[in-house]
C-alpha atoms as a PDB file:
ATOM      1  CA  UNK A   1      -2.510 -56.871   2.605  1.00  0.00           C
ATOM      2  CA  UNK A   2      -0.605 -54.559   4.966  1.00  0.00           C
ATOM      3  CA  UNK A   3       1.764 -53.606   2.128  1.00  0.00           C
ATOM      4  CA  UNK A   4      -1.119 -52.668  -0.171  1.00  0.00           C
ATOM      5  CA  UNK A   5      -2.733 -50.490   2.521  1.00  0.00           C
ATOM      6  CA  UNK A   6       0.622 -48.863   3.330  1.00  0.00           C
ATOM      7  CA  UNK A   7       1.420 -48.044  -0.334  1.00  0.00           C
ATOM      8  CA  UNK A   8      -2.134 -46.829  -0.964  1.00  0.00           C
ATOM      9  CA  UNK A   9      -1.872 -44.501   2.053  1.00  0.00           C
ATOM     10  CA  UNK A  10       1.494 -43.169   0.859  1.00  0.00           C
ATOM     11  CA  UNK A  11       0.120 -42.517  -2.640  1.00  0.00           C
ATOM     12  CA  UNK A  12      -2.974 -40.749  -1.231  1.00  0.00           C
ATOM     13  CA  UNK A  13      -0.795 -38.565   1.029  1.00  0.00           C
ATOM     14  CA  UNK A  14       1.477 -37.733  -1.906  1.00  0.00           C
ATOM     15  CA  UNK A  15      -1.478 -36.752  -4.107  1.00  0.00           C
ATOM     16  CA  UNK A  16      -3.008 -34.674  -1.293  1.00  0.00           C
ATOM     17  CA  UNK A  17       0.346 -32.913  -0.716  1.00  0.00           C
ATOM     18  CA  UNK A  18       0.725 -32.091  -4.425  1.00  0.00           C
ATOM     19  CA  UNK A  19      -2.830 -30.745  -4.576  1.00  0.00           C
ATOM     20  CA  UNK A  20      -2.217 -28.622  -1.468  1.00  0.00           C
ATOM     21  CA  UNK A  21       0.955 -27.119  -2.958  1.00  0.00           C
ATOM     22  CA  UNK A  22      -0.723 -26.395  -6.297  1.00  0.00           C
ATOM     23  CA  UNK A  23      -3.722 -24.774  -4.590  1.00  0.00           C
ATOM     24  CA  UNK A  24      -1.468 -22.533  -2.490  1.00  0.00           C
ATOM     25  CA  UNK A  25       0.408 -21.368  -5.605  1.00  0.00           C
ATOM     26  CA  UNK A  26      -2.891 -20.195  -7.103  1.00  0.00           C
ATOM     27  CA  UNK A  27      -4.334 -18.811  -3.865  1.00  0.00           C
ATOM     28  CA  UNK A  28      -5.350 -15.153  -3.865  1.00  0.00           C
ATOM     29  CA  UNK A  29      -2.530 -14.270  -1.446  1.00  0.00           C
ATOM     30  CA  UNK A  30       0.221 -15.931  -3.482  1.00  0.00           C
ATOM     31  CA  UNK A  31       2.738 -13.596  -5.076  1.00  0.00           C
ATOM     32  CA  UNK A  32       1.525 -10.571  -3.084  1.00  0.00           C
ATOM     33  CA  UNK A  33       4.815  -9.958  -1.325  1.00  0.00           C
ATOM     34  CA  UNK A  34       6.049  -6.524  -2.197  1.00  0.00           C
ATOM     35  CA  UNK A  35       9.788  -5.906  -2.244  1.00  0.00           C
ATOM     36  CA  UNK A  36      10.392  -2.187  -2.266  1.00  0.00           C
ATOM     37  CA  UNK A  37      13.533  -0.219  -1.501  1.00  0.00           C
ATOM     38  CA  UNK A  38      13.378   3.098  -3.274  1.00  0.00           C
ATOM     39  CA  UNK A  39      14.152   6.745  -2.738  1.00  0.00           C
ATOM     40  CA  UNK A  40      12.914   9.952  -4.341  1.00  0.00           C
ATOM     41  CA  UNK A  41      13.937  13.562  -4.262  1.00  0.00           C
ATOM     42  CA  UNK A  42      10.716  15.481  -3.589  1.00  0.00           C
ATOM     43  CA  UNK A  43       9.445  19.034  -3.609  1.00  0.00           C
ATOM     44  CA  UNK A  44       5.828  18.896  -2.465  1.00  0.00           C
ATOM     45  CA  UNK A  45       3.510  21.780  -1.705  1.00  0.00           C
ATOM     46  CA  UNK A  46       0.103  21.160  -0.199  1.00  0.00           C
ATOM     47  CA  UNK A  47      -2.585  23.765   0.389  1.00  0.00           C
ATOM     48  CA  UNK A  48      -4.315  23.589   3.727  1.00  0.00           C
ATOM     49  CA  UNK A  49      -7.023  25.710   5.385  1.00  0.00           C
ATOM     50  CA  UNK A  50      -4.492  27.596   7.536  1.00  0.00           C
ATOM     51  CA  UNK A  51      -1.919  28.099   4.720  1.00  0.00           C
ATOM     52  CA  UNK A  52       0.333  25.974   2.579  1.00  0.00           C
ATOM     53  CA  UNK A  53       2.870  23.351   3.654  1.00  0.00           C
ATOM     54  CA  UNK A  54       6.060  22.806   1.688  1.00  0.00           C
ATOM     55  CA  UNK A  55       8.261  19.714   2.044  1.00  0.00           C
ATOM     56  CA  UNK A  56      11.590  19.584   0.206  1.00  0.00           C
ATOM     57  CA  UNK A  57      13.994  16.691   0.597  1.00  0.00           C
ATOM     58  CA  UNK A  58      13.860  12.924   0.248  1.00  0.00           C
ATOM     59  CA  UNK A  59      11.306  10.200   0.817  1.00  0.00           C
ATOM     60  CA  UNK A  60      12.375   6.578   0.989  1.00  0.00           C
ATOM     61  CA  UNK A  61      10.104   3.530   1.012  1.00  0.00           C
ATOM     62  CA  UNK A  62      11.539   0.209   2.204  1.00  0.00           C
ATOM     63  CA  UNK A  63       9.618  -2.972   2.907  1.00  0.00           C
ATOM     64  CA  UNK A  64      10.694  -4.858   6.016  1.00  0.00           C
ATOM     65  CA  UNK A  65       9.198  -8.259   5.339  1.00  0.00           C
ATOM     66  CA  UNK A  66       5.677  -8.831   4.067  1.00  0.00           C
ATOM     67  CA  UNK A  67       3.747  -6.707   6.589  1.00  0.00           C
ATOM     68  CA  UNK A  68       5.957  -3.772   7.634  1.00  0.00           C
ATOM     69  CA  UNK A  69       7.287  -0.799   5.686  1.00  0.00           C
ATOM     70  CA  UNK A  70       9.652   2.035   6.668  1.00  0.00           C
ATOM     71  CA  UNK A  71       8.854   5.481   5.311  1.00  0.00           C
ATOM     72  CA  UNK A  72      11.819   7.861   5.774  1.00  0.00           C
ATOM     73  CA  UNK A  73      11.346  11.626   5.558  1.00  0.00           C
ATOM     74  CA  UNK A  74      14.447  13.864   5.381  1.00  0.00           C
ATOM     75  CA  UNK A  75      14.764  17.494   4.376  1.00  0.00           C
ATOM     76  CA  UNK A  76      12.933  20.709   5.229  1.00  0.00           C
ATOM     77  CA  UNK A  77       9.347  21.327   6.190  1.00  0.00           C
ATOM     78  CA  UNK A  78       7.925  24.846   5.883  1.00  0.00           C
ATOM     79  CA  UNK A  79       4.537  25.461   7.501  1.00  0.00           C
ATOM     80  CA  UNK A  80       2.626  28.524   8.699  1.00  0.00           C
ATOM     81  CA  UNK A  81       4.044  27.672  12.152  1.00  0.00           C
ATOM     82  CA  UNK A  82       7.676  27.910  10.981  1.00  0.00           C
ATOM     83  CA  UNK A  83      10.585  26.241   9.170  1.00  0.00           C
ATOM     84  CA  UNK A  84      11.809  22.900  10.433  1.00  0.00           C
ATOM     85  CA  UNK A  85      14.426  20.218   9.743  1.00  0.00           C
ATOM     86  CA  UNK A  86      12.796  16.891   8.996  1.00  0.00           C
ATOM     87  CA  UNK A  87      14.504  13.569   9.753  1.00  0.00           C
ATOM     88  CA  UNK A  88      12.207  10.772  10.873  1.00  0.00           C
ATOM     89  CA  UNK A  89      11.210   7.231   9.983  1.00  0.00           C
ATOM     90  CA  UNK A  90       7.639   6.032  10.197  1.00  0.00           C
ATOM     91  CA  UNK A  91       7.108   2.306  10.601  1.00  0.00           C
ATOM     92  CA  UNK A  92       3.922   1.381   8.805  1.00  0.00           C
ATOM     93  CA  UNK A  93       1.945  -1.840   8.599  1.00  0.00           C
ATOM     94  CA  UNK A  94       0.963  -2.478   5.003  1.00  0.00           C
ATOM     95  CA  UNK A  95      -1.156  -4.616   2.738  1.00  0.00           C
ATOM     96  CA  UNK A  96      -0.327  -4.687  -0.954  1.00  0.00           C
ATOM     97  CA  UNK A  97      -2.967  -5.478  -3.568  1.00  0.00           C
ATOM     98  CA  UNK A  98      -1.097  -6.144  -6.850  1.00  0.00           C
ATOM     99  CA  UNK A  99      -4.296  -6.551  -8.885  1.00  0.00           C
ATOM    100  CA  UNK A 100      -4.943  -2.797  -8.607  1.00  0.00           C
ATOM    101  CA  UNK A 101      -1.496  -1.561  -7.431  1.00  0.00           C
ATOM    102  CA  UNK A 102      -2.885  -0.375  -4.079  1.00  0.00           C
ATOM    103  CA  UNK A 103      -0.645  -0.083  -1.037  1.00  0.00           C
ATOM    104  CA  UNK A 104      -2.667   0.335   2.177  1.00  0.00           C
ATOM    105  CA  UNK A 105      -0.567   1.872   4.952  1.00  0.00           C
ATOM    106  CA  UNK A 106      -1.392   2.087   8.655  1.00  0.00           C
ATOM    107  CA  UNK A 107       0.842   3.985  11.067  1.00  0.00           C
ATOM    108  CA  UNK A 108       2.537   1.804  13.694  1.00  0.00           C
ATOM    109  CA  UNK A 109       5.227   3.992  15.304  1.00  0.00           C
ATOM    110  CA  UNK A 110       7.935   6.505  14.467  1.00  0.00           C
ATOM    111  CA  UNK A 111      11.589   7.112  15.169  1.00  0.00           C
ATOM    112  CA  UNK A 112      12.650  10.748  15.245  1.00  0.00           C
ATOM    113  CA  UNK A 113      16.341  11.615  14.909  1.00  0.00           C
ATOM    114  CA  UNK A 114      18.027  14.235  17.090  1.00  0.00           C
ATOM    115  CA  UNK A 115      18.335  16.515  14.031  1.00  0.00           C
ATOM    116  CA  UNK A 116      14.547  16.637  13.542  1.00  0.00           C
ATOM    117  CA  UNK A 117      13.035  19.902  14.794  1.00  0.00           C
ATOM    118  CA  UNK A 118       9.413  19.386  13.694  1.00  0.00           C
ATOM    119  CA  UNK A 119       6.989  19.120  16.624  1.00  0.00           C
ATOM    120  CA  UNK A 120       4.978  15.895  16.304  1.00  0.00           C
ATOM    121  CA  UNK A 121       1.610  17.640  16.105  1.00  0.00           C
ATOM    122  CA  UNK A 122       2.794  19.866  13.227  1.00  0.00           C
ATOM    123  CA  UNK A 123       4.306  16.900  11.361  1.00  0.00           C
ATOM    124  CA  UNK A 124       1.166  14.768  11.624  1.00  0.00           C
ATOM    125  CA  UNK A 125      -1.184  17.636  10.792  1.00  0.00           C
ATOM    126  CA  UNK A 126       0.959  18.739   7.821  1.00  0.00           C
ATOM    127  CA  UNK A 127       2.032  15.461   6.214  1.00  0.00           C
ATOM    128  CA  UNK A 128       0.035  12.576   7.665  1.00  0.00           C
ATOM    129  CA  UNK A 129      -3.498  13.818   8.455  1.00  0.00           C
ATOM    130  CA  UNK A 130      -4.561  10.237   9.246  1.00  0.00           C
ATOM    131  CA  UNK A 131      -3.134   7.048  10.753  1.00  0.00           C
ATOM    132  CA  UNK A 132      -4.082   5.202   7.552  1.00  0.00           C
ATOM    133  CA  UNK A 133      -3.725   6.143   3.922  1.00  0.00           C
ATOM    134  CA  UNK A 134      -3.501   4.629   0.458  1.00  0.00           C
ATOM    135  CA  UNK A 135      -0.790   4.927  -2.176  1.00  0.00           C
ATOM    136  CA  UNK A 136      -0.866   3.583  -5.717  1.00  0.00           C
ATOM    137  CA  UNK A 137       2.351   1.972  -6.963  1.00  0.00           C
ATOM    138  CA  UNK A 138       3.004   1.616 -10.681  1.00  0.00           C
ATOM    139  CA  UNK A 139       6.226   0.025 -11.859  1.00  0.00           C
ATOM    140  CA  UNK A 140       7.519   2.066 -14.805  1.00  0.00           C
ATOM    141  CA  UNK A 141      10.548  -0.186 -15.450  1.00  0.00           C
ATOM    142  CA  UNK A 142      12.908  -2.506 -13.539  1.00  0.00           C
ATOM    143  CA  UNK A 143      14.125   0.206 -11.179  1.00  0.00           C
ATOM    144  CA  UNK A 144      11.488   2.965 -11.151  1.00  0.00           C
ATOM    145  CA  UNK A 145       8.117   3.228  -9.376  1.00  0.00           C
ATOM    146  CA  UNK A 146       5.482   5.919  -9.803  1.00  0.00           C
ATOM    147  CA  UNK A 147       3.955   6.662  -6.396  1.00  0.00           C
ATOM    148  CA  UNK A 148       0.518   8.288  -6.546  1.00  0.00           C
ATOM    149  CA  UNK A 149      -2.101   9.487  -4.121  1.00  0.00           C
ATOM    150  CA  UNK A 150      -5.810   9.015  -4.655  1.00  0.00           C
ATOM    151  CA  UNK A 151      -6.058  11.656  -7.364  1.00  0.00           C
ATOM    152  CA  UNK A 152      -2.580  12.665  -8.523  1.00  0.00           C
ATOM    153  CA  UNK A 153       0.964  11.375  -9.062  1.00  0.00           C
ATOM    154  CA  UNK A 154       3.217  12.326  -6.135  1.00  0.00           C
ATOM    155  CA  UNK A 155       6.755  11.331  -7.130  1.00  0.00           C
ATOM    156  CA  UNK A 156       8.952   8.886  -9.022  1.00  0.00           C
ATOM    157  CA  UNK A 157      10.883   6.559  -6.741  1.00  0.00           C
ATOM    158  CA  UNK A 158      14.162   4.894  -7.841  1.00  0.00           C
ATOM    159  CA  UNK A 159      15.125   1.487  -6.471  1.00  0.00           C
ATOM    160  CA  UNK A 160      18.143   1.971  -4.226  1.00  0.00           C
ATOM    161  CA  UNK A 161      19.588  -1.499  -4.859  1.00  0.00           C
ATOM    162  CA  UNK A 162      19.505  -1.210  -8.643  1.00  0.00           C
ATOM    163  CA  UNK A 163      20.716   2.383  -8.990  1.00  0.00           C
ATOM    164  CA  UNK A 164      23.238   2.618  -6.177  1.00  0.00           C
ATOM    165  CA  UNK A 165      22.633   4.320  -2.862  1.00  0.00           C
ATOM    166  CA  UNK A 166      20.349   7.323  -3.094  1.00  0.00           C
ATOM    167  CA  UNK A 167      20.717   8.067  -6.770  1.00  0.00           C
ATOM    168  CA  UNK A 168      20.124  11.723  -7.652  1.00  0.00           C
ATOM    169  CA  UNK A 169      18.322  10.848 -10.865  1.00  0.00           C
ATOM    170  CA  UNK A 170      14.845  10.815  -9.311  1.00  0.00           C
ATOM    171  CA  UNK A 171      12.540  13.570 -10.507  1.00  0.00           C
ATOM    172  CA  UNK A 172       9.903  15.141  -8.273  1.00  0.00           C
ATOM    173  CA  UNK A 173       6.418  15.581  -9.617  1.00  0.00           C
ATOM    174  CA  UNK A 174       4.662  18.737  -8.452  1.00  0.00           C
ATOM    175  CA  UNK A 175       0.975  18.041  -7.817  1.00  0.00           C
ATOM    176  CA  UNK A 176      -1.307  20.775  -9.097  1.00  0.00           C
END
């Protein structure tokens, strides 16, 4: 009798384990991990109430696990307040929604290199505007992503790993 109870318990545990694994594979959060390591050459101009802001250089997006993303800005920033060298990394918390290609970003902290001359208030007013924002990611092929804002494409981002370090083949898109 003890053997029958023992084997029945083992079979029930095995069935429950298999059902748990199968349910987790089909759970809404399964397969949502975003692996992104791409760079783009950009030339962005944005009109603002006090004048236009122009950013020329590179943007890199790199996921650091399934909740953190590094957003690297390098290049020049021209604002009504002056011309600046830009070299900083923003660490962002993110949630990726693959069903509609939405990447929700929330600012966590930044690292500013010694070469960066942009005052923080000018950087955040010119390029960030908010601690949270949304990007749309569309994979165009194995190594290229289209990164868009709410209403317009922003730039094409090449995967660093697949194209070699910082490939120069990325093409900026100028929003109108």
